[in-house]
Protein backbone atom coordinates (compact mmCIF):
# COMPACT_ATOMS: atom_id res chain seq x y z
CA MET A 1 -2.15 18.80 -0.41
CA THR A 2 -0.86 16.34 -2.99
CA GLU A 3 0.33 12.97 -1.79
CA LEU A 4 3.33 11.62 -3.72
CA LYS A 5 3.94 7.92 -4.22
CA LEU A 6 6.83 6.22 -6.00
CA LYS A 7 6.56 3.17 -8.20
CA ARG A 8 8.61 1.34 -10.80
CA ALA A 9 7.29 1.73 -14.32
CA TYR A 10 7.41 -2.07 -14.63
CA ASP A 11 4.94 -2.59 -11.78
CA ALA A 12 1.31 -2.95 -12.77
CA ALA A 13 -0.88 0.13 -12.79
CA ASP A 14 -3.36 0.30 -9.94
CA LYS A 15 -6.45 2.42 -9.32
CA GLU A 16 -4.73 3.53 -6.08
CA ASP A 17 -1.96 5.22 -8.12
CA GLY A 18 -3.94 8.36 -8.85
CA TYR A 19 -2.29 10.55 -11.51
CA ARG A 20 0.67 8.61 -12.94
CA VAL A 21 3.70 10.63 -14.07
CA TYR A 22 6.72 9.02 -15.72
CA VAL A 23 9.81 11.03 -14.70
CA ASP A 24 12.67 9.45 -16.70
CA ARG A 25 14.18 10.84 -19.89
CA LEU A 26 14.21 7.51 -21.75
CA TRP A 27 11.30 5.19 -22.48
CA PRO A 28 11.31 2.17 -20.12
CA ARG A 29 13.07 -0.70 -21.88
CA GLY A 30 10.81 -3.57 -22.84
CA LEU A 31 7.49 -1.79 -22.22
CA SER A 32 5.14 -1.02 -25.06
CA HIS A 33 3.00 2.07 -25.43
CA GLU A 34 -0.04 -0.19 -25.18
CA THR A 35 0.93 -1.78 -21.85
CA PHE A 36 2.62 1.08 -19.98
CA HIS A 37 -0.07 3.24 -18.42
CA TYR A 38 0.83 6.82 -17.51
CA ASP A 39 -0.95 10.16 -17.57
CA ALA A 40 2.08 12.36 -18.28
CA TRP A 41 5.69 11.89 -19.31
CA GLU A 42 7.83 14.68 -17.89
CA LYS A 43 11.20 14.30 -19.65
CA GLU A 44 12.27 17.86 -18.90
CA ILE A 45 12.18 17.21 -15.14
CA ALA A 46 14.40 14.10 -15.42
CA PRO A 47 18.17 14.18 -14.83
CA SER A 48 20.13 15.64 -17.74
CA ASP A 49 21.67 13.20 -20.22
CA ALA A 50 25.16 14.08 -18.96
CA LEU A 51 24.22 13.43 -15.33
CA ARG A 52 22.39 10.23 -16.19
CA HIS A 53 25.37 8.85 -18.16
CA TRP A 54 27.84 9.85 -15.44
CA PHE A 55 25.75 8.17 -12.73
CA HIS A 56 25.19 4.95 -14.67
CA ASP A 57 28.94 4.46 -15.09
CA ASN A 58 29.29 3.72 -11.34
CA GLN A 59 25.94 3.87 -9.53
CA ASP A 60 27.07 2.33 -6.25
CA ALA A 61 29.91 4.79 -5.68
CA ARG A 62 28.17 7.87 -7.07
CA TRP A 63 24.73 7.85 -5.44
CA GLN A 64 25.33 10.66 -2.93
CA GLU A 65 26.96 12.90 -5.50
CA PHE A 66 24.23 12.10 -8.04
CA GLU A 67 21.59 13.07 -5.49
CA GLU A 68 23.31 16.41 -4.84
CA LYS A 69 23.80 17.14 -8.55
CA TYR A 70 20.24 16.18 -9.47
CA ARG A 71 18.85 18.36 -6.65
CA ALA A 72 20.86 21.28 -8.02
CA GLU A 73 19.55 20.57 -11.54
CA LEU A 74 15.97 20.47 -10.28
CA LEU A 75 16.23 23.68 -8.29
CA SER A 76 17.65 25.53 -11.30
CA ASN A 77 15.28 23.92 -13.82
CA PRO A 78 12.83 26.47 -15.26
CA SER A 79 10.34 23.63 -15.87
CA LEU A 80 10.02 22.89 -12.15
CA GLU A 81 7.36 25.54 -11.47
CA ASP A 82 5.10 24.32 -14.31
CA PHE A 83 5.64 20.75 -13.16
CA VAL A 84 4.59 21.69 -9.62
CA LYS A 85 1.46 23.45 -10.91
CA SER A 86 0.46 20.40 -12.94
CA LEU A 87 0.85 18.07 -9.95
CA GLU A 88 -1.06 20.33 -7.55
CA LEU A 89 -4.22 19.64 -9.55
CA HIS A 90 -4.25 16.05 -8.27
CA PRO A 91 -4.68 14.77 -4.69
CA LEU A 92 -2.58 11.66 -5.40
CA VAL A 93 0.37 11.46 -7.80
CA THR A 94 2.55 8.43 -8.46
CA LEU A 95 6.00 9.23 -9.79
CA LEU A 96 7.06 6.39 -12.09
CA TYR A 97 10.70 5.49 -12.68
CA SER A 98 12.47 2.67 -14.52
CA SER A 99 15.49 2.10 -12.26
CA ARG A 100 15.85 -1.32 -10.64
CA ASN A 101 17.00 0.36 -7.44
CA GLU A 102 13.90 1.22 -5.44
CA SER A 103 15.70 3.24 -2.76
CA GLU A 104 18.21 5.21 -4.84
CA ASN A 105 16.61 6.64 -7.97
CA ASN A 106 15.73 9.97 -9.53
CA ALA A 107 12.02 9.77 -8.58
CA MET A 108 13.00 9.50 -4.91
CA VAL A 109 15.16 12.62 -5.21
CA LEU A 110 12.39 14.46 -7.06
CA ALA A 111 9.79 13.58 -4.41
CA SER A 112 12.17 14.70 -1.68
CA VAL A 113 12.84 18.03 -3.39
CA LEU A 114 9.12 18.66 -3.92
CA SER A 115 8.22 17.90 -0.30
CA GLU A 116 11.09 20.01 1.04
CA LYS A 117 10.68 23.01 -1.28
CA TYR A 118 6.86 22.97 -1.18
CA PRO A 119 5.96 21.38 2.18
CA GLU A 120 2.49 22.95 2.17
CA ASN A 121 1.74 21.37 -1.22
CA PHE A 122 3.38 17.92 -1.21
CA ALA A 123 3.83 15.01 1.18
CA VAL A 124 5.60 11.78 0.33
CA ALA A 125 3.50 8.72 1.17
CA LYS A 126 5.11 6.17 3.44
CA PRO A 127 5.81 2.93 1.56
CA SER A 128 3.44 0.15 2.47
CA VAL A 129 4.97 -2.78 4.31
CA PRO A 130 4.06 -6.22 2.95
CA ASN A 131 2.29 -8.54 5.38
């Protein structure tokens, strides 16, 4: 079973992150290749350019529809099976995203799809609550 965590690309890397996978199509603005630590960059699993542009035009009003459209893209994406196989090799995977919104982003949708489509392989870690 692979445990999935979510984390902003701008947050510091931690030994508790496990295998770090960046799941956005564009490089995170302002981060250098020297300072951004990731093990894989999976552009082909990210939302399509058209979907990304459409969503960014009005994020607040389009979240639910974005989530539905991105789920449909993922489930029809031929790269999904290879992506799943690569993640299953690791007990802990952190999906990295660059969105400012920590509760409505593509990594959250991706983690949800993985845990729903492959419940025997993936579980989404509960976010830690600060003390």
